[in-house]
Amino acid sequence: MIIIGDINTENEIIDFVNQSKPNQYSNFSVLTIKEQNGWVYIDLEKDKKKFYIQYSTVMTDTFDLIQFLAEIINLKDDIAFFPDNEGSLPLLYVKSIDEKNIRFIFAHDYELYASFANNIIDDYDLNLYKIECDILIDKKIFLKEFYKILSPFVNNYNLKEVYAQTFNIKKAKMYMDKISDYLY
C-alpha cells in the first residue's frame, strides 16, 4: 500500500477500510473546486448527498491530489492519501477491483479534530472517522469527474490571486496531461 501523508500504519488503514462495505456506483459527481485564503474546497455528490473535501494549501499542494488521481490509472497497490487540513487529516482511499473498476472511500475527521482541538475529547483514531463515500466505480468515470473541475482550475490558475504561492503548477499540468491521455 502507498500511504501519502499521515502516520497511520497500513494495518490500521486496512482495518478501517474493512469495517465498511462499498455501494455499487450510482450517481457520483465532483461539482466544484475553489481555492480561497489558503484553503481548497472540493464539493462532491453521491446519490444526491453532498459532501466536501477540504485541505490547507500551505500543508498540502493541490499537485499532490492530482498526482494521487494520476496514480489510479495504473493502480497496482492501494493508495491512501491524507491531505492536511491543518491537523485534520481526511482520507482518500483507492483500491483496484479489476482493470476497469476501483473502490473509492472518502472519510474525514473534521468534527473529531474540532472536538479534539477544543478539548472536548481526549484522543481519537482512524476508526472514528466518518465515511462519506464508499463506492465501486469505473475508473474512467471517476477520473473524468475530477478532471472536469481540475482542468480549468489548473489551466486558469492565477498565482497573483492566491494566499500562498505553494501550487506546483508545472507538475500539476504534467499529471493532468497523463490523466487526459488516459481518458481521451
C-alpha atoms as a PDB file:
ATOM      1  CA  MET A   1       0.000   0.000   0.000  1.00  0.00           C
ATOM      2  CA  ILE A   2       1.128   3.521  -0.786  1.00  0.00           C
ATOM      3  CA  ILE A   3       0.425   5.979   2.042  1.00  0.00           C
ATOM      4  CA  ILE A   4       0.717   9.699   1.320  1.00  0.00           C
ATOM      5  CA  GLY A   5       0.733  11.806   4.475  1.00  0.00           C
ATOM      6  CA  ASP A   6      -0.447  10.895   7.988  1.00  0.00           C
ATOM      7  CA  ILE A   7       1.088   8.448  10.435  1.00  0.00           C
ATOM      8  CA  ASN A   8      -1.420   5.577  10.306  1.00  0.00           C
ATOM      9  CA  THR A   9       0.046   2.182   9.530  1.00  0.00           C
ATOM     10  CA  GLU A  10      -1.025   0.012   6.645  1.00  0.00           C
ATOM     11  CA  ASN A  11      -2.753  -2.385   9.072  1.00  0.00           C
ATOM     12  CA  GLU A  12      -4.736   0.463  10.671  1.00  0.00           C
ATOM     13  CA  ILE A  13      -5.898   1.632   7.254  1.00  0.00           C
ATOM     14  CA  ILE A  14      -6.846  -1.900   6.151  1.00  0.00           C
ATOM     15  CA  ASP A  15      -8.797  -2.453   9.385  1.00  0.00           C
ATOM     16  CA  PHE A  16     -10.650   0.818   8.832  1.00  0.00           C
ATOM     17  CA  VAL A  17     -11.457   0.001   5.196  1.00  0.00           C
ATOM     18  CA  ASN A  18     -12.680  -3.468   6.165  1.00  0.00           C
ATOM     19  CA  GLN A  19     -15.296  -2.037   8.539  1.00  0.00           C
ATOM     20  CA  SER A  20     -17.189  -0.534   5.593  1.00  0.00           C
ATOM     21  CA  LYS A  21     -18.960  -2.106   2.637  1.00  0.00           C
ATOM     22  CA  PRO A  22     -18.884  -0.319  -0.703  1.00  0.00           C
ATOM     23  CA  ASN A  23     -22.012   0.622  -2.600  1.00  0.00           C
ATOM     24  CA  GLN A  24     -22.297  -0.074  -6.263  1.00  0.00           C
ATOM     25  CA  TYR A  25     -21.746   3.082  -8.298  1.00  0.00           C
ATOM     26  CA  SER A  26     -24.895   5.025  -8.972  1.00  0.00           C
ATOM     27  CA  ASN A  27     -24.542   8.807  -9.201  1.00  0.00           C
ATOM     28  CA  PHE A  28     -21.167  10.291  -8.316  1.00  0.00           C
ATOM     29  CA  SER A  29     -20.208  13.843  -9.259  1.00  0.00           C
ATOM     30  CA  VAL A  30     -17.389  16.233  -8.497  1.00  0.00           C
ATOM     31  CA  LEU A  31     -19.143  19.580  -8.586  1.00  0.00           C
ATOM     32  CA  THR A  32     -16.660  22.371  -7.893  1.00  0.00           C
ATOM     33  CA  ILE A  33     -13.204  23.260  -6.685  1.00  0.00           C
ATOM     34  CA  LYS A  34     -12.224  26.605  -5.281  1.00  0.00           C
ATOM     35  CA  GLU A  35      -9.198  27.974  -3.521  1.00  0.00           C
ATOM     36  CA  GLN A  36      -9.715  30.738  -1.013  1.00  0.00           C
ATOM     37  CA  ASN A  37      -7.493  32.207   1.708  1.00  0.00           C
ATOM     38  CA  GLY A  38      -5.129  29.244   1.791  1.00  0.00           C
ATOM     39  CA  TRP A  39      -7.820  26.543   1.646  1.00  0.00           C
ATOM     40  CA  VAL A  40      -9.105  24.296  -1.114  1.00  0.00           C
ATOM     41  CA  TYR A  41     -12.728  23.195  -1.082  1.00  0.00           C
ATOM     42  CA  ILE A  42     -13.947  20.421  -3.382  1.00  0.00           C
ATOM     43  CA  ASP A  43     -17.692  19.803  -3.456  1.00  0.00           C
ATOM     44  CA  LEU A  44     -18.850  16.310  -4.373  1.00  0.00           C
ATOM     45  CA  GLU A  45     -22.141  14.472  -4.550  1.00  0.00           C
ATOM     46  CA  LYS A  46     -23.116  10.815  -4.319  1.00  0.00           C
ATOM     47  CA  ASP A  47     -26.747   9.817  -4.801  1.00  0.00           C
ATOM     48  CA  LYS A  48     -27.887  13.420  -4.244  1.00  0.00           C
ATOM     49  CA  LYS A  49     -25.992  13.661  -0.935  1.00  0.00           C
ATOM     50  CA  LYS A  50     -23.395  16.433  -0.962  1.00  0.00           C
ATOM     51  CA  PHE A  51     -20.089  16.300   0.890  1.00  0.00           C
ATOM     52  CA  TYR A  52     -16.767  18.078   0.602  1.00  0.00           C
ATOM     53  CA  ILE A  53     -13.029  17.621   0.732  1.00  0.00           C
ATOM     54  CA  GLN A  54     -11.124  20.443   2.369  1.00  0.00           C
ATOM     55  CA  TYR A  55      -7.408  20.949   2.919  1.00  0.00           C
ATOM     56  CA  SER A  56      -4.868  23.685   3.545  1.00  0.00           C
ATOM     57  CA  THR A  57      -2.829  24.756   0.529  1.00  0.00           C
ATOM     58  CA  VAL A  58       0.058  25.561   2.832  1.00  0.00           C
ATOM     59  CA  MET A  59       0.084  21.988   4.168  1.00  0.00           C
ATOM     60  CA  THR A  60      -0.923  20.072   1.007  1.00  0.00           C
ATOM     61  CA  ASP A  61      -0.172  21.134  -2.545  1.00  0.00           C
ATOM     62  CA  THR A  62      -3.054  20.553  -4.967  1.00  0.00           C
ATOM     63  CA  PHE A  63      -0.451  18.941  -7.192  1.00  0.00           C
ATOM     64  CA  ASP A  64      -0.413  16.088  -4.599  1.00  0.00           C
ATOM     65  CA  LEU A  65      -4.126  15.483  -5.190  1.00  0.00           C
ATOM     66  CA  ILE A  66      -3.604  15.482  -8.952  1.00  0.00           C
ATOM     67  CA  GLN A  67      -0.684  13.062  -8.638  1.00  0.00           C
ATOM     68  CA  PHE A  68      -2.850  10.813  -6.434  1.00  0.00           C
ATOM     69  CA  LEU A  69      -5.504  10.777  -9.177  1.00  0.00           C
ATOM     70  CA  ALA A  70      -2.920  10.065 -11.895  1.00  0.00           C
ATOM     71  CA  GLU A  71      -1.641   7.079  -9.902  1.00  0.00           C
ATOM     72  CA  ILE A  72      -5.095   5.483 -10.248  1.00  0.00           C
ATOM     73  CA  ILE A  73      -4.518   4.967 -13.986  1.00  0.00           C
ATOM     74  CA  ASN A  74      -2.055   2.100 -13.483  1.00  0.00           C
ATOM     75  CA  LEU A  75      -3.086   1.230  -9.935  1.00  0.00           C
ATOM     76  CA  LYS A  76      -1.245  -1.800  -8.575  1.00  0.00           C
ATOM     77  CA  ASP A  77      -1.208  -1.033  -4.830  1.00  0.00           C
ATOM     78  CA  ASP A  78      -3.927   0.500  -2.704  1.00  0.00           C
ATOM     79  CA  ILE A  79      -3.366   4.212  -2.158  1.00  0.00           C
ATOM     80  CA  ALA A  80      -4.268   6.095   1.000  1.00  0.00           C
ATOM     81  CA  PHE A  81      -3.939   9.861   0.705  1.00  0.00           C
ATOM     82  CA  PHE A  82      -4.318  12.123   3.751  1.00  0.00           C
ATOM     83  CA  PRO A  83      -4.385  15.793   2.669  1.00  0.00           C
ATOM     84  CA  ASP A  84      -3.582  18.058   5.610  1.00  0.00           C
ATOM     85  CA  ASN A  85      -6.338  20.348   6.822  1.00  0.00           C
ATOM     86  CA  GLU A  86      -4.065  21.945   9.462  1.00  0.00           C
ATOM     87  CA  GLY A  87      -4.212  18.956  11.779  1.00  0.00           C
ATOM     88  CA  SER A  88      -7.387  17.357  10.492  1.00  0.00           C
ATOM     89  CA  LEU A  89      -6.451  14.610   8.025  1.00  0.00           C
ATOM     90  CA  PRO A  90      -9.279  13.447   5.756  1.00  0.00           C
ATOM     91  CA  LEU A  91      -8.722  10.156   3.937  1.00  0.00           C
ATOM     92  CA  LEU A  92      -8.999   9.451   0.222  1.00  0.00           C
ATOM     93  CA  TYR A  93      -8.502   5.735  -0.391  1.00  0.00           C
ATOM     94  CA  VAL A  94      -8.482   3.849  -3.684  1.00  0.00           C
ATOM     95  CA  LYS A  95      -8.190   0.124  -4.333  1.00  0.00           C
ATOM     96  CA  SER A  96      -8.167  -1.599  -7.712  1.00  0.00           C
ATOM     97  CA  ILE A  97     -11.024  -4.069  -8.125  1.00  0.00           C
ATOM     98  CA  ASP A  98     -10.114  -5.119 -11.652  1.00  0.00           C
ATOM     99  CA  GLU A  99      -8.640  -3.487 -14.763  1.00  0.00           C
ATOM    100  CA  LYS A 100     -11.671  -1.231 -15.167  1.00  0.00           C
ATOM    101  CA  ASN A 101     -13.087  -0.625 -11.673  1.00  0.00           C
ATOM    102  CA  ILE A 102     -11.902   0.834  -8.387  1.00  0.00           C
ATOM    103  CA  ARG A 103     -13.162   1.186  -4.869  1.00  0.00           C
ATOM    104  CA  PHE A 104     -13.103   4.770  -3.612  1.00  0.00           C
ATOM    105  CA  ILE A 105     -13.521   5.766   0.019  1.00  0.00           C
ATOM    106  CA  PHE A 106     -13.654   9.284   1.340  1.00  0.00           C
ATOM    107  CA  ALA A 107     -13.705   9.588   5.121  1.00  0.00           C
ATOM    108  CA  HIS A 108     -12.958  12.542   7.333  1.00  0.00           C
ATOM    109  CA  ASP A 109     -12.220  13.644  10.861  1.00  0.00           C
ATOM    110  CA  TYR A 110     -13.418  17.237  10.538  1.00  0.00           C
ATOM    111  CA  GLU A 111     -15.742  17.125  13.566  1.00  0.00           C
ATOM    112  CA  LEU A 112     -13.441  14.796  15.534  1.00  0.00           C
ATOM    113  CA  TYR A 113     -10.472  17.069  15.092  1.00  0.00           C
ATOM    114  CA  ALA A 114     -12.506  20.130  16.067  1.00  0.00           C
ATOM    115  CA  SER A 115     -13.607  18.323  19.262  1.00  0.00           C
ATOM    116  CA  PHE A 116     -10.026  17.277  19.968  1.00  0.00           C
ATOM    117  CA  ALA A 117      -8.655  20.784  19.339  1.00  0.00           C
ATOM    118  CA  ASN A 118     -11.284  22.237  21.707  1.00  0.00           C
ATOM    119  CA  ASN A 119     -10.509  19.638  24.419  1.00  0.00           C
ATOM    120  CA  ILE A 120     -13.977  18.083  24.147  1.00  0.00           C
ATOM    121  CA  ILE A 121     -12.457  14.653  23.517  1.00  0.00           C
ATOM    122  CA  ASP A 122      -9.042  13.439  24.659  1.00  0.00           C
ATOM    123  CA  ASP A 123      -8.000  11.372  21.666  1.00  0.00           C
ATOM    124  CA  TYR A 124      -9.315   9.741  18.536  1.00  0.00           C
ATOM    125  CA  ASP A 125      -8.122   7.439  15.811  1.00  0.00           C
ATOM    126  CA  LEU A 126      -8.874   6.482  12.233  1.00  0.00           C
ATOM    127  CA  ASN A 127     -11.661   4.090  13.288  1.00  0.00           C
ATOM    128  CA  LEU A 128     -13.753   7.077  14.413  1.00  0.00           C
ATOM    129  CA  TYR A 129     -13.639   8.834  11.023  1.00  0.00           C
ATOM    130  CA  LYS A 130     -16.955   9.477   9.284  1.00  0.00           C
ATOM    131  CA  ILE A 131     -17.215   7.628   5.971  1.00  0.00           C
ATOM    132  CA  GLU A 132     -18.974   9.911   3.491  1.00  0.00           C
ATOM    133  CA  CYS A 133     -18.469   7.795   0.399  1.00  0.00           C
ATOM    134  CA  ASP A 134     -17.552   4.135  -0.189  1.00  0.00           C
ATOM    135  CA  ILE A 135     -18.289   3.158  -3.776  1.00  0.00           C
ATOM    136  CA  LEU A 136     -17.298   0.811  -6.557  1.00  0.00           C
ATOM    137  CA  ILE A 137     -16.923   2.871  -9.701  1.00  0.00           C
ATOM    138  CA  ASP A 138     -15.490   2.687 -13.194  1.00  0.00           C
ATOM    139  CA  LYS A 139     -12.011   4.199 -13.082  1.00  0.00           C
ATOM    140  CA  LYS A 140     -12.587   6.380 -16.158  1.00  0.00           C
ATOM    141  CA  ILE A 141     -15.874   7.764 -14.869  1.00  0.00           C
ATOM    142  CA  PHE A 142     -14.214   8.592 -11.547  1.00  0.00           C
ATOM    143  CA  LEU A 143     -11.226  10.316 -13.151  1.00  0.00           C
ATOM    144  CA  LYS A 144     -13.424  12.233 -15.633  1.00  0.00           C
ATOM    145  CA  GLU A 145     -15.390  13.706 -12.742  1.00  0.00           C
ATOM    146  CA  PHE A 146     -12.245  15.103 -11.146  1.00  0.00           C
ATOM    147  CA  TYR A 147     -10.710  16.067 -14.490  1.00  0.00           C
ATOM    148  CA  LYS A 148     -13.695  18.245 -15.478  1.00  0.00           C
ATOM    149  CA  ILE A 149     -13.145  20.534 -12.476  1.00  0.00           C
ATOM    150  CA  LEU A 150      -9.365  20.286 -12.179  1.00  0.00           C
ATOM    151  CA  SER A 151      -8.573  21.064 -15.810  1.00  0.00           C
ATOM    152  CA  PRO A 152      -9.974  24.627 -15.745  1.00  0.00           C
ATOM    153  CA  PHE A 153      -8.610  25.098 -12.206  1.00  0.00           C
ATOM    154  CA  VAL A 154      -5.061  24.244 -13.330  1.00  0.00           C
ATOM    155  CA  ASN A 155      -5.214  25.943 -16.726  1.00  0.00           C
ATOM    156  CA  ASN A 156      -6.633  29.216 -15.355  1.00  0.00           C
ATOM    157  CA  TYR A 157      -4.655  29.302 -12.126  1.00  0.00           C
ATOM    158  CA  ASN A 158      -3.600  32.831 -11.238  1.00  0.00           C
ATOM    159  CA  LEU A 159      -0.612  32.890  -8.884  1.00  0.00           C
ATOM    160  CA  LYS A 160      -1.186  36.600  -8.218  1.00  0.00           C
ATOM    161  CA  GLU A 161      -4.543  35.959  -6.542  1.00  0.00           C
ATOM    162  CA  VAL A 162      -3.661  33.101  -4.196  1.00  0.00           C
ATOM    163  CA  TYR A 163      -2.983  33.147  -0.479  1.00  0.00           C
ATOM    164  CA  ALA A 164       0.426  31.493  -0.722  1.00  0.00           C
ATOM    165  CA  GLN A 165       2.287  30.518  -3.856  1.00  0.00           C
ATOM    166  CA  THR A 166       2.639  26.846  -2.987  1.00  0.00           C
ATOM    167  CA  PHE A 167       0.965  25.282  -6.016  1.00  0.00           C
ATOM    168  CA  ASN A 168       3.438  23.448  -8.262  1.00  0.00           C
ATOM    169  CA  ILE A 169       1.617  24.223 -11.476  1.00  0.00           C
ATOM    170  CA  LYS A 170       4.266  22.625 -13.725  1.00  0.00           C
ATOM    171  CA  LYS A 171       3.946  19.236 -12.022  1.00  0.00           C
ATOM    172  CA  ALA A 172       0.165  19.592 -11.859  1.00  0.00           C
ATOM    173  CA  LYS A 173      -0.006  20.113 -15.634  1.00  0.00           C
ATOM    174  CA  MET A 174       2.268  17.112 -16.198  1.00  0.00           C
ATOM    175  CA  TYR A 175      -0.100  14.842 -14.227  1.00  0.00           C
ATOM    176  CA  MET A 176      -3.188  16.430 -15.791  1.00  0.00           C
ATOM    177  CA  ASP A 177      -1.723  15.551 -19.221  1.00  0.00           C
ATOM    178  CA  LYS A 178      -1.264  11.962 -18.045  1.00  0.00           C
ATOM    179  CA  ILE A 179      -4.901  11.806 -16.944  1.00  0.00           C
ATOM    180  CA  SER A 180      -6.061  13.419 -20.197  1.00  0.00           C
ATOM    181  CA  ASP A 181      -4.077  10.897 -22.282  1.00  0.00           C
ATOM    182  CA  TYR A 182      -5.744   8.071 -20.376  1.00  0.00           C
ATOM    183  CA  LEU A 183      -9.254   9.487 -20.681  1.00  0.00           C
ATOM    184  CA  TYR A 184      -9.154  10.703 -24.267  1.00  0.00           C
END
